Amino acid sequence: MPSVAIVILNWNGVEHLSTFLPSVIQHSTQDNIRIIVADNGSTDDSVAILTKKYPEVEILELPENYGFAKGYNEALKQIQADYYILLNSDVEVTDNWINPVVNLMEQEEQIACCQPKVKAWKDKSHFEHAGAAGGFLDKFGYPLCRGRILDYAEEDKGQYDDSRSIFWATGACLFIKASLFHKMQGFDEDFWAHMEEIDLCWRLKNKGYKIMYCAQSTVYHLGGASLSYQSPLKVLLNFRNNLFMLYKNLPAKKLLPILLVRFILDGVAALKFLATGEFNFFKAVWKSHMQFYQSLSKLQQKRKALEKQRLINEHEEILDKSMILNFYLRGIKTFKS
């Protein structure tokens, strides 16, 4: 059996660890599986409580809060395994959640990443925002999931019980072959947090690797543990990092047309925030674009390096439809629609 390291990045998350870590310990008991909490410079008593209550869990202490992307990069440099499972601290796992995913990934060398079905911890009949039944992009680069379009999450009625190829796998519960994580130099640390897993999956896809969804494994995600869904910082990171990702990974013929559309749509979103009195969100969108423009020189260098490695330009998991226009103008809220 391949070796598996479950790595939970923690920052001041002692309450989540107390709630969710017992399920990980209970359902991850095989000899080939290690559970590691990488502490991202916490200032609460996370490490002390872990040491006292969960002696079966390994602790890897990082000297400061590096954010999600660099935090995992620094932690995984120190962990040897065939497979990494990057697991958020607010995820409840279920019986036999690991084997179906690893078995699927073992079937084909080109499968780089995989995710299970991700459902909401607070409403276990519905899919959860981060990942649902596998990630895709629409024609303008907006992320969406089978089971979740924008803020609308579907009830799970078995409509996505087929394991299949997807475009991106969620960072809330990301299975990845360790050798490929390191070959791709991990996450882009300039993202800090949010969409770094989509960027990594896109880079892998451009090199010919596959990303999969495994319907035979289910986890439940609380969501919003590190940053509230109402946080202006979350808005800034999502808008900025989406532009980072597009600039780095789009094929040349689509780069300018899609960026121009995105500038317009982001402007519409900013004006909507302003009109509804959400000035902090308006300011977050503005800041996201300023940071994007300030980063263009660095992004150009990254794009040139990635272009030399690119093997594939087109992906069927990038849909030839606009999620935004269909959602707001036609009321289409489900992936199947």
Protein backbone atom coordinates (compact mmCIF):
# COMPACT_ATOMS: atom_id res chain seq x y z
CA MET A 1 0.00 0.00 0.00
CA PRO A 2 1.29 3.51 -0.76
CA SER A 3 2.12 5.71 2.21
CA VAL A 4 -0.30 8.54 3.00
CA ALA A 5 0.28 11.70 5.04
CA ILE A 6 -2.81 13.60 6.14
CA VAL A 7 -1.57 17.15 6.70
CA ILE A 8 -3.79 19.65 8.51
CA LEU A 9 -2.58 23.25 8.42
CA ASN A 10 -3.62 24.95 11.64
CA TRP A 11 -3.60 28.57 12.68
CA ASN A 12 -5.27 29.40 16.00
CA GLY A 13 -7.80 26.68 15.29
CA VAL A 14 -7.94 24.85 18.60
CA GLU A 15 -11.77 24.82 18.61
CA HIS A 16 -11.94 23.28 15.14
CA LEU A 17 -9.29 20.70 15.98
CA SER A 18 -11.23 19.68 19.09
CA THR A 19 -14.40 19.30 17.03
CA PHE A 20 -13.12 17.70 13.84
CA LEU A 21 -9.79 15.98 14.53
CA PRO A 22 -11.39 13.03 16.41
CA SER A 23 -13.18 11.94 13.22
CA VAL A 24 -9.88 12.02 11.31
CA ILE A 25 -8.20 9.87 13.96
CA GLN A 26 -11.15 7.45 14.11
CA HIS A 27 -11.34 6.88 10.35
CA SER A 28 -7.62 6.94 9.45
CA THR A 29 -6.17 4.03 11.41
CA GLN A 30 -4.25 2.06 8.76
CA ASP A 31 -0.54 1.46 9.30
CA ASN A 32 0.40 3.32 6.11
CA ILE A 33 -1.35 6.53 7.21
CA ARG A 34 0.16 9.36 9.27
CA ILE A 35 -1.79 12.30 10.68
CA ILE A 36 0.23 15.50 10.94
CA VAL A 37 -0.85 18.92 12.14
CA ALA A 38 1.38 21.62 10.69
CA ASP A 39 0.97 24.56 13.04
CA ASN A 40 1.24 27.85 11.16
CA GLY A 41 2.64 29.99 13.99
CA SER A 42 -0.47 29.80 16.19
CA THR A 43 -0.69 32.08 19.21
CA ASP A 44 -3.45 30.10 20.95
CA ASP A 45 -2.84 26.87 22.86
CA SER A 46 -3.27 24.59 19.83
CA VAL A 47 0.10 22.87 20.20
CA ALA A 48 -0.24 22.29 23.94
CA ILE A 49 -3.71 20.79 23.58
CA LEU A 50 -2.66 18.61 20.64
CA THR A 51 0.30 17.30 22.60
CA LYS A 52 -1.85 16.48 25.62
CA LYS A 53 -5.05 15.14 24.04
CA TYR A 54 -3.92 13.58 20.75
CA PRO A 55 -0.57 11.80 21.19
CA GLU A 56 -1.20 9.78 18.00
CA VAL A 57 -1.00 12.98 15.95
CA GLU A 58 2.38 14.31 14.82
CA ILE A 59 3.00 18.04 15.24
CA LEU A 60 5.13 20.08 12.88
CA GLU A 61 5.65 23.63 14.12
CA LEU A 62 6.24 26.44 11.62
CA PRO A 63 7.82 29.63 12.98
CA GLU A 64 5.16 32.06 11.72
CA ASN A 65 1.82 32.29 9.92
CA TYR A 66 2.83 31.79 6.29
CA GLY A 67 -0.72 31.69 4.98
CA PHE A 68 -2.24 28.65 3.25
CA ALA A 69 0.03 28.43 0.20
CA LYS A 70 3.46 28.94 1.75
CA GLY A 71 2.39 27.19 4.95
CA TYR A 72 1.74 23.97 3.06
CA ASN A 73 4.84 24.40 0.92
CA GLU A 74 7.04 24.72 4.01
CA ALA A 75 5.34 21.84 5.81
CA LEU A 76 5.40 19.38 2.90
CA LYS A 77 9.12 19.94 2.33
CA GLN A 78 9.54 18.13 5.65
CA ILE A 79 7.10 15.25 5.10
CA GLN A 80 7.85 12.06 3.19
CA ALA A 81 4.92 10.10 1.71
CA ASP A 82 3.58 8.76 -1.59
CA TYR A 83 0.34 10.71 -1.21
CA TYR A 84 -0.48 13.90 0.62
CA ILE A 85 -4.00 14.67 1.80
CA LEU A 86 -4.29 18.39 2.46
CA LEU A 87 -7.17 18.63 4.89
CA ASN A 88 -8.75 21.73 6.37
CA SER A 89 -9.04 21.77 10.15
CA ASP A 90 -12.85 22.17 9.88
CA VAL A 91 -13.54 18.94 7.96
CA GLU A 92 -15.30 15.89 9.38
CA VAL A 93 -14.34 12.70 7.56
CA THR A 94 -16.29 9.46 7.29
CA ASP A 95 -15.60 5.74 7.32
CA ASN A 96 -13.40 4.51 4.44
CA TRP A 97 -12.80 8.01 3.10
CA ILE A 98 -9.21 7.42 1.99
CA ASN A 99 -9.04 4.05 0.21
CA PRO A 100 -11.53 4.75 -2.63
CA VAL A 101 -9.66 7.92 -3.58
CA VAL A 102 -6.17 6.42 -3.44
CA ASN A 103 -7.36 3.31 -5.32
CA LEU A 104 -8.76 5.54 -8.07
CA MET A 105 -5.52 7.50 -8.29
CA GLU A 106 -3.44 4.32 -8.40
CA GLN A 107 -5.24 3.21 -11.56
CA GLU A 108 -3.47 5.72 -13.77
CA GLU A 109 -0.08 7.38 -13.52
CA GLN A 110 -1.40 10.59 -15.09
CA ILE A 111 -3.90 11.22 -12.28
CA ALA A 112 -2.27 13.91 -10.15
CA CYS A 113 -5.03 15.09 -7.80
CA CYS A 114 -8.40 13.95 -6.57
CA GLN A 115 -11.11 15.11 -4.20
CA PRO A 116 -14.00 13.35 -2.44
CA LYS A 117 -17.59 14.53 -2.35
CA VAL A 118 -17.68 17.60 -0.11
CA LYS A 119 -20.93 18.28 1.73
CA ALA A 120 -21.93 20.89 4.26
CA TRP A 121 -21.29 20.07 7.91
CA LYS A 122 -24.16 22.30 9.05
CA ASP A 123 -26.61 20.79 6.54
CA LYS A 124 -25.40 17.35 5.58
CA SER A 125 -28.04 16.89 2.89
CA HIS A 126 -26.47 19.64 0.76
CA PHE A 127 -23.19 20.19 -1.04
CA GLU A 128 -20.67 22.62 0.43
CA HIS A 129 -19.27 25.74 -1.21
CA ALA A 130 -15.63 24.61 -1.32
CA GLY A 131 -15.47 21.78 -3.81
CA ALA A 132 -18.90 20.12 -3.77
CA ALA A 133 -18.71 17.35 -6.43
CA GLY A 134 -15.69 18.70 -8.29
CA GLY A 135 -14.48 22.00 -9.68
CA PHE A 136 -14.73 23.54 -13.15
CA LEU A 137 -14.22 26.97 -14.74
CA ASP A 138 -16.67 28.88 -16.89
CA LYS A 139 -15.62 30.58 -20.15
CA PHE A 140 -14.49 33.73 -18.33
CA GLY A 141 -12.46 31.91 -15.67
CA TYR A 142 -14.94 31.92 -12.79
CA PRO A 143 -14.73 28.78 -10.62
CA LEU A 144 -17.86 26.70 -10.16
CA CYS A 145 -18.64 23.20 -8.93
CA ARG A 146 -20.97 20.38 -9.69
CA GLY A 147 -23.43 20.96 -6.89
CA ARG A 148 -22.55 24.62 -6.21
CA ILE A 149 -22.96 27.68 -8.42
CA LEU A 150 -21.85 30.94 -6.76
CA ASP A 151 -23.63 30.93 -3.37
CA TYR A 152 -26.29 28.38 -4.34
CA ALA A 153 -25.61 24.84 -3.09
CA GLU A 154 -27.71 21.94 -4.35
CA GLU A 155 -29.20 19.18 -2.27
CA ASP A 156 -27.37 15.90 -2.82
CA LYS A 157 -29.89 13.56 -4.45
CA GLY A 158 -27.30 11.28 -6.03
CA GLN A 159 -27.09 13.44 -9.17
CA TYR A 160 -23.28 13.57 -8.94
CA ASP A 161 -22.52 10.02 -7.84
CA ASP A 162 -20.29 9.38 -10.85
CA SER A 163 -16.53 9.60 -10.42
CA ARG A 164 -15.11 11.65 -13.28
CA SER A 165 -12.48 14.04 -14.56
CA ILE A 166 -12.77 17.61 -13.25
CA PHE A 167 -10.74 20.80 -13.70
CA TRP A 168 -9.78 21.50 -10.10
CA ALA A 169 -9.94 19.71 -6.77
CA THR A 170 -10.69 21.60 -3.59
CA GLY A 171 -7.94 22.56 -1.18
CA ALA A 172 -10.32 21.72 1.69
CA CYS A 173 -9.61 18.03 1.06
CA LEU A 174 -6.99 17.64 -1.65
CA PHE A 175 -5.40 14.28 -2.43
CA ILE A 176 -2.21 14.75 -4.45
CA LYS A 177 0.72 12.58 -5.43
CA ALA A 178 3.63 13.91 -3.40
CA SER A 179 6.14 13.62 -6.24
CA LEU A 180 3.98 15.83 -8.45
CA PHE A 181 3.39 18.41 -5.75
CA HIS A 182 7.14 18.87 -5.48
CA LYS A 183 7.72 18.60 -9.23
CA MET A 184 5.32 21.53 -9.71
CA GLN A 185 7.04 23.43 -6.87
CA GLY A 186 3.88 23.35 -4.82
CA PHE A 187 1.48 26.24 -4.48
CA ASP A 188 2.21 29.73 -5.78
CA GLU A 189 3.06 31.53 -2.54
CA ASP A 190 2.09 34.94 -3.93
CA PHE A 191 -1.55 33.81 -3.69
CA TRP A 192 -1.21 33.54 0.13
CA ALA A 193 -4.65 31.93 0.36
CA HIS A 194 -7.61 31.20 -1.95
CA MET A 195 -7.50 29.69 -5.46
CA GLU A 196 -3.92 28.46 -5.11
CA GLU A 197 -5.24 24.91 -5.53
CA ILE A 198 -7.04 25.88 -8.78
CA ASP A 199 -3.82 27.43 -10.06
CA LEU A 200 -1.89 24.26 -9.19
CA CYS A 201 -4.48 22.05 -10.87
CA TRP A 202 -4.43 24.24 -13.99
CA ARG A 203 -0.64 24.01 -14.20
CA LEU A 204 -0.91 20.23 -13.89
CA LYS A 205 -3.65 20.08 -16.53
CA ASN A 206 -1.55 22.14 -18.95
CA LYS A 207 1.18 19.52 -18.60
CA GLY A 208 -1.23 16.69 -19.41
CA TYR A 209 -2.12 15.42 -15.95
CA LYS A 210 -5.64 14.53 -14.82
CA ILE A 211 -7.67 15.83 -11.87
CA MET A 212 -10.42 13.53 -10.59
CA TYR A 213 -13.52 13.48 -8.40
CA CYS A 214 -14.23 10.32 -6.39
CA ALA A 215 -17.90 9.90 -5.53
CA GLN A 216 -17.28 6.92 -3.25
CA SER A 217 -15.73 9.09 -0.53
CA THR A 218 -17.56 11.79 1.45
CA VAL A 219 -16.42 14.48 3.88
CA TYR A 220 -18.29 17.31 5.59
CA HIS A 221 -16.84 20.83 5.59
CA LEU A 222 -17.81 23.66 7.91
CA GLY A 223 -16.28 26.40 5.73
CA GLY A 224 -15.13 29.93 6.50
CA ALA A 225 -12.86 28.75 9.32
CA SER A 226 -9.83 30.89 8.46
CA LEU A 227 -11.63 33.80 6.80
CA SER A 228 -15.32 34.55 7.17
CA TYR A 229 -17.36 34.59 3.96
CA GLN A 230 -18.17 38.22 4.90
CA SER A 231 -14.51 39.24 5.15
CA PRO A 232 -13.28 42.03 2.83
CA LEU A 233 -9.90 40.27 2.80
CA LYS A 234 -11.55 37.15 1.38
CA VAL A 235 -13.14 39.30 -1.37
CA LEU A 236 -9.77 40.90 -2.14
CA LEU A 237 -7.97 37.54 -2.34
CA ASN A 238 -10.64 35.93 -4.50
CA PHE A 239 -10.73 38.77 -7.05
CA ARG A 240 -6.95 39.28 -7.12
CA ASN A 241 -5.98 35.62 -7.19
CA ASN A 242 -8.45 34.87 -9.94
CA LEU A 243 -6.70 37.46 -12.11
CA PHE A 244 -3.28 36.06 -11.09
CA MET A 245 -4.43 32.59 -12.14
CA LEU A 246 -5.86 33.70 -15.48
CA TYR A 247 -2.77 35.69 -16.40
CA LYS A 248 -0.45 32.78 -15.63
CA ASN A 249 -2.37 29.97 -17.27
CA LEU A 250 -4.61 31.10 -20.13
CA PRO A 251 -3.46 30.28 -23.67
CA ALA A 252 -2.17 33.32 -25.56
CA LYS A 253 -5.16 33.73 -27.89
CA LYS A 254 -7.60 33.91 -24.95
CA LEU A 255 -5.59 35.99 -22.51
CA LEU A 256 -6.50 39.56 -23.53
CA PRO A 257 -10.13 38.91 -24.54
CA ILE A 258 -10.93 37.18 -21.25
CA LEU A 259 -9.05 39.71 -19.13
CA LEU A 260 -10.95 42.56 -20.78
CA VAL A 261 -14.27 40.90 -20.02
CA ARG A 262 -13.17 40.24 -16.45
CA PHE A 263 -12.15 43.87 -15.92
CA ILE A 264 -15.65 44.91 -16.99
CA LEU A 265 -17.43 42.30 -14.86
CA ASP A 266 -15.26 43.09 -11.83
CA GLY A 267 -16.14 46.75 -12.31
CA VAL A 268 -19.84 45.85 -12.34
CA ALA A 269 -19.38 43.85 -9.15
CA ALA A 270 -17.57 46.76 -7.49
CA LEU A 271 -20.34 49.19 -8.44
CA LYS A 272 -22.94 46.76 -7.09
CA PHE A 273 -21.10 46.69 -3.75
CA LEU A 274 -21.00 50.49 -3.75
CA ALA A 275 -24.71 50.79 -4.60
CA THR A 276 -25.67 48.45 -1.75
CA GLY A 277 -23.55 50.32 0.79
CA GLU A 278 -20.87 47.62 1.08
CA PHE A 279 -18.00 50.07 0.82
CA ASN A 280 -15.43 47.70 2.33
CA PHE A 281 -16.17 45.17 -0.42
CA PHE A 282 -15.98 47.90 -3.09
CA LYS A 283 -12.59 48.90 -1.72
CA ALA A 284 -11.47 45.25 -1.66
CA VAL A 285 -12.20 44.84 -5.40
CA TRP A 286 -10.33 48.08 -6.15
CA LYS A 287 -7.34 46.93 -4.08
CA SER A 288 -7.37 43.55 -5.81
CA HIS A 289 -6.91 45.22 -9.20
CA MET A 290 -4.22 47.57 -7.91
CA GLN A 291 -2.28 44.59 -6.56
CA PHE A 292 -2.75 42.75 -9.85
CA TYR A 293 -1.30 45.67 -11.85
CA GLN A 294 1.59 46.01 -9.41
CA SER A 295 2.36 42.30 -9.87
CA LEU A 296 2.30 42.27 -13.68
CA SER A 297 6.06 42.14 -14.14
CA LYS A 298 6.39 39.14 -11.83
CA LEU A 299 3.34 37.46 -13.37
CA GLN A 300 4.83 37.90 -16.84
CA GLN A 301 7.98 36.06 -15.76
CA LYS A 302 5.89 33.22 -14.34
CA ARG A 303 3.79 33.05 -17.50
CA LYS A 304 6.88 32.80 -19.73
CA ALA A 305 8.28 29.96 -17.64
CA LEU A 306 4.96 28.08 -17.71
CA GLU A 307 4.52 28.58 -21.46
CA LYS A 308 7.75 26.67 -22.06
CA GLN A 309 6.29 23.67 -20.19
CA ARG A 310 2.76 23.81 -21.62
CA LEU A 311 1.62 20.73 -23.53
CA ILE A 312 -2.14 21.35 -23.71
CA ASN A 313 -4.11 24.55 -24.43
CA GLU A 314 -7.73 23.44 -24.38
CA HIS A 315 -9.58 21.60 -21.61
CA GLU A 316 -13.11 20.24 -21.82
CA GLU A 317 -13.59 21.06 -18.13
CA ILE A 318 -13.45 24.78 -18.96
CA LEU A 319 -17.05 25.30 -20.02
CA ASP A 320 -17.97 27.31 -23.10
CA LYS A 321 -20.68 29.15 -21.15
CA SER A 322 -20.84 32.06 -18.72
CA MET A 323 -21.86 31.05 -15.22
CA ILE A 324 -22.37 34.69 -14.21
CA LEU A 325 -24.69 35.59 -17.09
CA ASN A 326 -26.67 32.36 -16.84
CA PHE A 327 -27.05 32.72 -13.06
CA TYR A 328 -28.13 36.37 -12.95
CA LEU A 329 -29.94 36.76 -16.29
CA ARG A 330 -31.50 33.31 -16.75
CA GLY A 331 -31.73 32.09 -13.15
CA ILE A 332 -29.75 28.90 -13.85
CA LYS A 333 -28.40 27.66 -10.53
CA THR A 334 -27.46 24.01 -11.06
CA PHE A 335 -24.49 22.51 -12.84
CA LYS A 336 -26.64 20.11 -14.86
CA SER A 337 -28.64 23.06 -16.18
